[in-house]
Structures are given as structure tokens and as C-alpha cells.
Amino acid sequence: MDAKKILIVDDSALTRRVICDIINSDSRYQVEAMANNGIDALKILETKQFDGIITDINMPRMGGLEFLKELKKMGRPERVMVLSTETTEGAKVTLDALELGAVDFIQKPQNAIYSKDKDFIKRFFDILEAVVFSNRKASSGIFRNTVMIRPGGTVVKVDSAKVPGEGRGNKLVAIASSTGGPKAMQSVIPRLPKNLDAPVLIVQHMPVGFTKSLADRLNAMSEVTVSEAAEGEYLEKGHVYISRGGAHMNYEDARGRARIHYTDEPPREGVKPCANYMYESLAKSPYHSIVCVVLTGMGHDGTEGIQNLMKSKRTHIIAQDEKSCVVNGMPGSIVATGVVNEVLDLDQIAQAIAGNVGVR
């Protein structure tokens, strides 16, 4: 198999060299060209085509966001990995990049020594593999019937469910998501009705500092309240809680009331937070049944946790279908077990959630 051709776009010569050395250390990939800003990259793209692009955000003349907008206008087939920074502003801009069609991001190495870290290199190649081999249609940044925001922040509702959930007792929704998840959740969370009769827990694989920006963005788009979950916070119906990066979010009983509790175990499935911990912690919760939702993502996170949860709880399991996933690893893993109740297009998932838990 011919090596996949990669274009690197970054104004730092050191970063270009470091990233180039990492990529060329794997025979599956080859750096074909490098540019120090978006304008120079577009000139290269006039005569060449690549299997993947890695771009910085902050660059002179044309930055990463403007570059992504131009790629989208041109209908270029290349998919993109973004190099992000650890700052709060960096997190917000990175989410903008994901909305513009970038498949995923990795935090930019602060120096050459850090870039040689085994965990960084593994994470880098995991993302690069998703960029190069992911679903072209789903990662294009265009989802059918995406919830739109009117001026002033009013959500245009799309078939909000108004039916009671099946069965009796308290219910909870638990969502696992990874690569492609921030964009996919914009087609799920804003479509949930404000009076949803259940709390919603979300584990999205993101590093420290990024999950709050994601929660704030979804909250501005949605009728339900969305926040980064805080330690000791009690769970309320109609509220969406996103696990913060760098810790594992669990259910905890506090004298009969459900609340958030973070733990600091090592990464599991290579990620932290890990959805498996969340699902397994719910086994001892007072909820009558759990609606488990697995969205787009690399790897297998969620499968083991859901299977363990099923031993003690009634579950209804929803997986995003392959054609609407950027990466079908996580949904495909749970589907392969044969325990899934519904495999749905992304646009159908919010309706299915509301139909299962009902409204107040």
C-alpha cells in the first residue's frame, strides 16, 4: 500500500520539523509538502491532492479557521487534523475548527522533548488514522437537518418528542462520544425538549479545558441546560452534564440523591474521561432504567461498561449508524455485541431519546 500523503501547515519551522519526523516514522504516511500559512497551503493545493492535512490555528496572512473555510468552499476532499493550544481561547477556536469540518485535534507540543512522549505519539497516530481513513461524507462538516440558531439564540425545534416514556420509574440518559462527537452532539442535544424527564450524562473524549467550552456552546444552542459537570453536583431532569476532561465521571449516591463524583484512575481504553467508568457506576444507582447512547468515535469505549451495566439494570441501547459517523469504532463495537436496541441515523437520535424517557 502506498504511503498516505500529508500536508503540514504551521508557521513554526520547529513544529513543522517535529511533526514531519513523527509522521515519517510510520511507513503508512509520508509528509508530501509543508506550508507556513493558509495562503501558501492553498497555492500548494492548486496542483496537488493529499490524503490528510495537519494545520495550526494561529498563523500570519491566513490562519487555520480561514483556511478551513476556504477548503470547505472549494469542496476539497482532504480531511483535517488541527493543532490546538491549551488556553481557554484555544479551546473555543478549536471548537470553531471542528464545526468547520476538522475531524479532530491534538494539543500542540510545547517543545521537542514533549513530542517524543510515547503517549503523545500514540494519540497523534490514532487521530491521524481517523483523519485519513474516516468517513468522508460524515466528516465533511455537513449534517442533514442540523439544528439552526436564529438571531437572538432561539432554537428552531426539529420534531421535539411529546410522548411519555415507556414504563415507570426514574430514568437516565448516558452518552459516550469521541472523534466527531462535538459536531454530532449539535444534532442531538439542541433537539432535546426542555422538559425531558431525565438527566443526561455525557462522556466526550476531550482534554482538560475543552469540555467547558463545549458545554457552554451547546448550552447556548439548546432548550435543555448544558454544563460541565461539577464535583458533588446533584442530577436534575432536563439538565445535560458533560464530564470534564482529565477525570473519570461517576454516579454517586448521597443519602438517596444522585450526584456527580470524579475519580482519578489511570486512563482506560486510552482515554480520560472514560465512558466505561460512567456506565459501570450507574449499576448501583436508583434509576429504573438507563438509555445508553454511543456516538461516533475511535476505539471501543462504552462497550464493556454497557455490558456490565446490563447485568443489574434495564437498558435501552442506541448506537449511531455507520454512515453518519465520522469514525464507527465505538458504535460499531457495541453493535457487534448484538445487544443494541436501535441503530439510528444521527438526525433520529434525539427523537429516540425523548421517546424513551418521556417529558414532564
Protein backbone atom coordinates (compact mmCIF):
# COMPACT_ATOMS: atom_id res chain seq x y z
CA MET A 1 0.00 0.00 0.00
CA ASP A 2 1.32 3.43 -0.95
CA ALA A 3 2.05 5.79 1.91
CA LYS A 4 -0.70 8.34 2.58
CA LYS A 5 0.32 11.86 1.59
CA ILE A 6 0.16 14.52 4.32
CA LEU A 7 0.33 18.32 4.13
CA ILE A 8 1.56 20.21 7.22
CA VAL A 9 0.54 23.86 7.66
CA ASP A 10 2.25 25.73 10.52
CA ASP A 11 4.19 28.98 10.84
CA SER A 12 6.72 27.42 13.23
CA ALA A 13 9.64 25.76 11.44
CA LEU A 14 10.38 23.73 14.59
CA THR A 15 6.81 22.44 14.82
CA ARG A 16 6.81 21.53 11.13
CA ARG A 17 10.05 19.60 11.61
CA VAL A 18 8.85 17.80 14.75
CA ILE A 19 5.51 16.80 13.21
CA CYS A 20 7.22 15.77 9.99
CA ASP A 21 9.62 13.47 11.86
CA ILE A 22 6.76 11.85 13.76
CA ILE A 23 4.71 11.21 10.61
CA ASN A 24 7.62 9.86 8.59
CA SER A 25 8.46 7.41 11.38
CA ASP A 26 5.38 5.41 10.32
CA SER A 27 5.57 3.80 6.87
CA ARG A 28 1.83 4.26 6.36
CA TYR A 29 2.30 8.02 5.98
CA GLN A 30 4.60 10.46 4.25
CA VAL A 31 4.84 14.24 4.51
CA GLU A 32 4.47 15.37 0.91
CA ALA A 33 4.59 19.15 1.47
CA MET A 34 4.72 21.84 4.15
CA ALA A 35 3.47 25.44 4.28
CA ASN A 36 3.80 28.21 6.88
CA ASN A 37 0.29 29.68 6.46
CA GLY A 38 -3.07 29.07 4.83
CA ILE A 39 -2.37 31.12 1.70
CA ASP A 40 0.78 29.15 0.89
CA ALA A 41 -1.10 25.91 1.58
CA LEU A 42 -3.86 26.87 -0.86
CA LYS A 43 -1.24 27.51 -3.55
CA ILE A 44 0.15 24.01 -2.98
CA LEU A 45 -3.37 22.59 -3.22
CA GLU A 46 -3.80 24.14 -6.67
CA THR A 47 -1.58 21.42 -8.12
CA LYS A 48 -1.58 18.65 -5.54
CA GLN A 49 -4.01 16.45 -3.62
CA PHE A 50 -3.40 14.93 -0.20
CA ASP A 51 -4.86 12.22 1.99
CA GLY A 52 -4.79 14.42 5.08
CA ILE A 53 -3.89 17.91 6.30
CA ILE A 54 -2.49 18.97 9.68
CA THR A 55 -2.89 22.67 10.40
CA ASP A 56 -2.13 25.17 13.13
CA ILE A 57 -4.78 27.76 14.02
CA ASN A 58 -2.82 30.96 14.67
CA MET A 59 -0.74 31.82 11.59
CA PRO A 60 0.14 35.04 9.75
CA ARG A 61 -1.60 36.08 6.49
CA MET A 62 -4.21 33.29 6.74
CA GLY A 63 -4.92 31.34 9.93
CA GLY A 64 -6.39 27.89 10.36
CA LEU A 65 -10.05 28.91 10.56
CA GLU A 66 -9.89 30.94 7.35
CA PHE A 67 -8.01 28.07 5.71
CA LEU A 68 -10.74 25.60 6.73
CA LYS A 69 -13.42 27.94 5.35
CA GLU A 70 -11.61 28.06 2.01
CA LEU A 71 -11.25 24.26 1.91
CA LYS A 72 -14.99 23.97 2.51
CA LYS A 73 -15.83 26.47 -0.24
CA MET A 74 -13.59 24.60 -2.67
CA GLY A 75 -15.11 21.23 -1.76
CA ARG A 76 -11.69 19.75 -1.16
CA PRO A 77 -11.66 16.03 -0.28
CA GLU A 78 -8.81 16.27 2.24
CA ARG A 79 -9.71 15.86 5.90
CA VAL A 80 -8.01 17.89 8.58
CA MET A 81 -6.37 17.50 11.99
CA VAL A 82 -5.97 20.71 13.99
CA LEU A 83 -3.05 21.60 16.23
CA SER A 84 -4.56 23.27 19.29
CA THR A 85 -3.27 25.18 22.32
CA GLU A 86 -4.13 24.62 25.98
CA THR A 87 -5.59 28.09 26.56
CA THR A 88 -9.28 28.85 27.07
CA GLU A 89 -9.32 30.85 23.86
CA GLY A 90 -7.55 27.97 22.14
CA ALA A 91 -10.36 25.62 23.21
CA LYS A 92 -13.03 27.93 21.78
CA VAL A 93 -11.20 28.33 18.48
CA THR A 94 -10.63 24.59 18.27
CA LEU A 95 -14.38 24.00 18.56
CA ASP A 96 -14.86 26.52 15.74
CA ALA A 97 -12.45 24.44 13.67
CA LEU A 98 -14.40 21.25 14.37
CA GLU A 99 -17.60 22.99 13.27
CA LEU A 100 -15.87 23.96 10.04
CA GLY A 101 -15.12 20.32 9.28
CA ALA A 102 -11.88 19.38 11.04
CA VAL A 103 -12.10 15.73 12.07
CA ASP A 104 -10.25 16.07 15.40
CA PHE A 105 -7.48 17.94 17.16
CA ILE A 106 -4.38 17.37 19.21
CA GLN A 107 -2.76 19.79 21.61
CA LYS A 108 0.35 21.28 20.08
CA PRO A 109 3.58 20.01 21.65
CA GLN A 110 5.20 22.74 23.71
CA ASN A 111 8.72 21.57 22.89
CA ALA A 112 10.61 18.87 21.03
CA ILE A 113 11.06 16.77 24.18
CA TYR A 114 7.29 16.54 24.80
CA SER A 115 6.72 15.48 21.20
CA LYS A 116 8.81 12.36 21.82
CA ASP A 117 6.50 11.21 24.61
CA LYS A 118 5.04 7.77 23.79
CA ASP A 119 1.52 8.75 24.87
CA PHE A 120 1.60 11.85 22.66
CA ILE A 121 2.84 9.87 19.66
CA LYS A 122 0.20 7.18 20.13
CA ARG A 123 -2.55 9.80 20.43
CA PHE A 124 -1.17 11.59 17.36
CA PHE A 125 -1.28 8.47 15.19
CA ASP A 126 -4.73 7.48 16.48
CA ILE A 127 -6.06 10.85 15.33
CA LEU A 128 -4.13 10.80 12.05
CA GLU A 129 -5.57 7.38 11.27
CA ALA A 130 -9.08 8.73 11.91
CA VAL A 131 -8.37 11.74 9.69
CA VAL A 132 -7.01 9.71 6.79
CA PHE A 133 -9.40 6.77 6.93
CA SER A 134 -12.58 8.31 8.40
CA ASN A 135 -15.98 8.56 6.72
CA ARG A 136 -15.59 11.29 4.08
CA LYS A 137 -19.27 12.18 3.95
CA ALA A 138 -19.79 12.42 7.71
CA SER A 139 -16.55 14.32 8.34
CA SER A 140 -17.28 16.96 5.72
CA GLY A 141 -18.82 19.20 8.37
CA ILE A 142 -22.28 18.99 6.77
CA PHE A 143 -25.03 17.10 8.61
CA ARG A 144 -28.57 16.89 7.28
CA ASN A 145 -31.21 18.95 9.08
CA THR A 146 -28.70 20.45 11.50
CA VAL A 147 -30.40 22.49 14.22
CA MET A 148 -30.13 26.15 13.25
CA ILE A 149 -29.93 29.13 15.56
CA ARG A 150 -31.99 32.23 14.83
CA PRO A 151 -30.62 35.69 15.74
CA GLY A 152 -31.06 36.08 19.49
CA GLY A 153 -30.36 32.41 20.20
CA THR A 154 -33.83 30.89 19.65
CA VAL A 155 -33.66 27.24 18.72
CA VAL A 156 -35.57 26.09 15.68
CA LYS A 157 -37.06 22.87 17.01
CA VAL A 158 -36.96 19.71 14.96
CA ASP A 159 -39.71 17.27 15.92
CA SER A 160 -39.42 17.57 19.70
CA ALA A 161 -40.87 14.45 21.30
CA LYS A 162 -44.07 14.92 23.25
CA VAL A 163 -44.81 11.33 24.16
CA PRO A 164 -44.50 9.66 27.57
CA GLY A 165 -41.65 7.25 28.12
CA GLU A 166 -42.32 3.54 28.36
CA GLY A 167 -42.59 2.01 31.80
CA ARG A 168 -42.42 3.64 35.20
CA GLY A 169 -39.67 4.85 37.44
CA ASN A 170 -36.78 7.24 37.16
CA LYS A 171 -34.73 7.11 34.00
CA LEU A 172 -31.36 8.50 32.98
CA VAL A 173 -29.60 9.03 29.65
CA ALA A 174 -25.86 8.26 29.39
CA ILE A 175 -23.98 9.19 26.20
CA ALA A 176 -20.49 8.15 25.09
CA SER A 177 -18.78 10.11 22.31
CA SER A 178 -15.33 10.70 20.84
CA THR A 179 -13.96 11.67 17.41
CA GLY A 180 -16.61 13.69 15.57
CA GLY A 181 -18.63 13.96 18.77
CA PRO A 182 -18.63 17.74 19.33
CA LYS A 183 -20.16 18.27 15.89
CA ALA A 184 -22.51 15.28 16.20
CA MET A 185 -23.85 16.49 19.54
CA GLN A 186 -25.03 19.67 17.86
CA SER A 187 -27.51 17.45 16.02
CA VAL A 188 -28.63 15.74 19.24
CA ILE A 189 -28.58 17.96 22.34
CA PRO A 190 -30.34 21.07 20.90
CA ARG A 191 -33.19 18.82 19.76
CA LEU A 192 -33.96 17.52 23.23
CA PRO A 193 -37.09 19.11 24.78
CA LYS A 194 -36.62 21.40 27.77
CA ASN A 195 -38.92 19.25 29.91
CA LEU A 196 -37.06 15.98 29.23
CA ASP A 197 -37.96 13.60 32.06
CA ALA A 198 -34.38 12.54 32.81
CA PRO A 199 -30.91 13.91 33.45
CA VAL A 200 -28.30 13.33 30.71
CA LEU A 201 -24.68 12.37 31.37
CA ILE A 202 -22.09 12.73 28.59
CA VAL A 203 -18.54 11.47 28.38
CA GLN A 204 -16.84 13.17 25.42
CA HIS A 205 -13.18 12.35 24.97
CA MET A 206 -11.50 15.76 25.29
CA PRO A 207 -8.56 17.08 27.33
CA VAL A 208 -8.71 19.41 30.31
CA GLY A 209 -10.11 22.85 29.47
CA PHE A 210 -12.03 21.88 26.35
CA THR A 211 -15.17 20.35 27.87
CA LYS A 212 -16.32 23.61 29.48
CA SER A 213 -16.14 25.41 26.13
CA LEU A 214 -18.11 22.56 24.55
CA ALA A 215 -20.75 22.70 27.31
CA ASP A 216 -21.10 26.47 27.02
CA ARG A 217 -21.53 26.25 23.27
CA LEU A 218 -24.19 23.53 23.46
CA ASN A 219 -25.98 25.39 26.25
CA ALA A 220 -26.32 28.47 24.04
CA MET A 221 -27.92 26.31 21.33
CA SER A 222 -30.26 24.22 23.46
CA GLU A 223 -33.51 24.32 25.42
CA VAL A 224 -32.14 21.90 27.99
CA THR A 225 -29.46 23.26 30.33
CA VAL A 226 -25.96 22.06 29.44
CA SER A 227 -22.95 22.42 31.74
CA GLU A 228 -19.60 20.89 32.55
CA ALA A 229 -20.41 18.63 35.49
CA ALA A 230 -19.07 19.81 38.86
CA GLU A 231 -17.92 17.55 41.70
CA GLY A 232 -20.82 16.81 44.06
CA GLU A 233 -23.44 18.33 41.74
CA TYR A 234 -26.90 16.76 42.12
CA LEU A 235 -28.55 15.42 38.98
CA GLU A 236 -31.69 17.19 37.78
CA LYS A 237 -34.08 16.24 34.98
CA GLY A 238 -33.76 18.28 31.80
CA HIS A 239 -30.11 19.01 32.55
CA VAL A 240 -27.15 17.76 30.49
CA TYR A 241 -23.87 17.14 32.36
CA ILE A 242 -20.64 16.85 30.35
CA SER A 243 -17.72 15.19 32.10
CA ARG A 244 -14.72 17.46 32.48
CA GLY A 245 -11.52 16.44 30.74
CA GLY A 246 -8.78 14.68 32.68
CA ALA A 247 -11.00 12.87 35.20
CA HIS A 248 -13.50 9.99 35.21
CA MET A 249 -17.13 10.98 35.87
CA ASN A 250 -19.18 8.59 38.01
CA TYR A 251 -22.59 8.38 39.65
CA GLU A 252 -22.54 8.64 43.44
CA ASP A 253 -25.35 8.15 45.95
CA ALA A 254 -25.68 10.93 48.53
CA ARG A 255 -28.35 9.88 51.05
CA GLY A 256 -30.69 8.77 48.32
CA ARG A 257 -29.86 11.57 45.88
CA ALA A 258 -27.85 11.10 42.71
CA ARG A 259 -24.80 13.30 42.23
CA ILE A 260 -21.58 13.60 40.27
CA HIS A 261 -18.34 12.18 41.63
CA TYR A 262 -14.98 12.33 39.85
CA THR A 263 -12.24 9.73 40.29
CA ASP A 264 -8.61 9.73 39.23
CA GLU A 265 -7.90 6.21 37.99
CA PRO A 266 -5.45 5.87 35.09
CA PRO A 267 -6.83 6.19 31.54
CA ARG A 268 -8.93 3.25 30.41
CA GLU A 269 -9.28 2.40 26.73
CA GLY A 270 -6.54 5.01 26.43
CA VAL A 271 -8.87 7.88 27.42
CA LYS A 272 -9.66 10.02 30.44
CA PRO A 273 -12.58 10.53 30.93
CA CYS A 274 -13.72 7.03 30.03
CA ALA A 275 -17.39 6.19 29.47
CA ASN A 276 -16.93 2.64 30.80
CA TYR A 277 -16.50 4.01 34.32
CA MET A 278 -19.64 6.13 33.97
CA TYR A 279 -21.78 3.20 32.81
CA GLU A 280 -20.48 0.85 35.50
CA SER A 281 -21.06 3.38 38.27
CA LEU A 282 -24.72 3.57 37.25
CA ALA A 283 -25.20 -0.11 38.15
CA LYS A 284 -25.75 0.92 41.79
CA SER A 285 -27.90 3.94 41.01
CA PRO A 286 -31.61 4.21 41.87
CA TYR A 287 -32.61 4.74 38.24
CA HIS A 288 -35.22 2.34 36.97
CA SER A 289 -33.63 2.14 33.52
CA ILE A 290 -30.76 3.70 31.60
CA VAL A 291 -30.86 4.86 27.98
CA CYS A 292 -27.31 4.30 26.72
CA VAL A 293 -26.27 6.18 23.58
CA VAL A 294 -23.00 5.56 21.73
CA LEU A 295 -21.99 8.19 19.18
CA THR A 296 -19.15 8.47 16.68
CA GLY A 297 -15.65 7.75 17.98
CA MET A 298 -12.44 5.76 17.77
CA GLY A 299 -11.87 2.64 19.81
CA HIS A 300 -14.27 0.62 21.96
CA ASP A 301 -15.10 2.84 24.93
CA GLY A 302 -18.63 2.23 26.20
CA THR A 303 -18.96 -1.40 25.14
CA GLU A 304 -17.57 -3.07 28.27
CA GLY A 305 -19.26 -0.58 30.59
CA ILE A 306 -22.68 -1.05 29.00
CA GLN A 307 -22.36 -4.83 29.06
CA ASN A 308 -21.53 -4.68 32.77
CA LEU A 309 -24.40 -2.27 33.41
CA MET A 310 -26.86 -4.64 31.72
CA LYS A 311 -26.23 -7.24 34.43
CA SER A 312 -28.07 -5.15 37.01
CA LYS A 313 -30.12 -2.54 35.13
CA ARG A 314 -32.76 -2.41 32.47
CA THR A 315 -31.14 -0.67 29.50
CA HIS A 316 -32.19 0.68 26.14
CA ILE A 317 -29.14 0.98 23.86
CA ILE A 318 -28.93 3.33 20.89
CA ALA A 319 -25.96 3.39 18.51
CA GLN A 320 -25.26 5.94 15.78
CA ASP A 321 -25.26 4.27 12.38
CA GLU A 322 -22.06 3.86 10.37
CA LYS A 323 -22.97 6.16 7.50
CA SER A 324 -23.44 9.22 9.73
CA CYS A 325 -20.37 8.52 11.90
CA VAL A 326 -17.04 10.21 11.33
CA VAL A 327 -15.48 7.10 12.89
CA ASN A 328 -17.53 3.98 13.50
CA GLY A 329 -15.25 2.44 16.13
CA MET A 330 -17.31 2.95 19.30
CA PRO A 331 -20.78 2.49 17.78
CA GLY A 332 -19.57 -0.43 15.68
CA SER A 333 -18.10 -2.09 18.77
CA ILE A 334 -21.36 -2.05 20.74
CA VAL A 335 -23.40 -3.06 17.67
CA ALA A 336 -21.12 -6.08 17.18
CA THR A 337 -22.14 -7.42 20.62
CA GLY A 338 -25.74 -7.86 19.46
CA VAL A 339 -27.21 -6.04 22.50
CA VAL A 340 -28.18 -2.80 20.74
CA ASN A 341 -31.90 -1.96 20.56
CA GLU A 342 -31.65 0.70 17.84
CA VAL A 343 -29.07 1.70 15.23
CA LEU A 344 -30.06 5.17 14.06
CA ASP A 345 -29.02 8.00 11.79
CA LEU A 346 -27.67 10.94 13.78
CA ASP A 347 -30.75 13.03 13.00
CA GLN A 348 -33.03 10.43 14.64
CA ILE A 349 -31.22 10.03 17.95
CA ALA A 350 -32.72 12.96 19.90
CA GLN A 351 -36.22 11.80 18.99
CA ALA A 352 -35.40 8.29 20.15
CA ILE A 353 -34.01 9.54 23.46
CA ALA A 354 -37.07 11.67 24.20
CA GLY A 355 -39.38 8.90 23.13
CA ASN A 356 -37.78 6.51 25.59
CA VAL A 357 -37.57 8.72 28.67
CA GLY A 358 -40.62 10.92 28.01
CA VAL A 359 -41.33 14.52 29.03
CA ARG A 360 -42.58 16.02 32.27
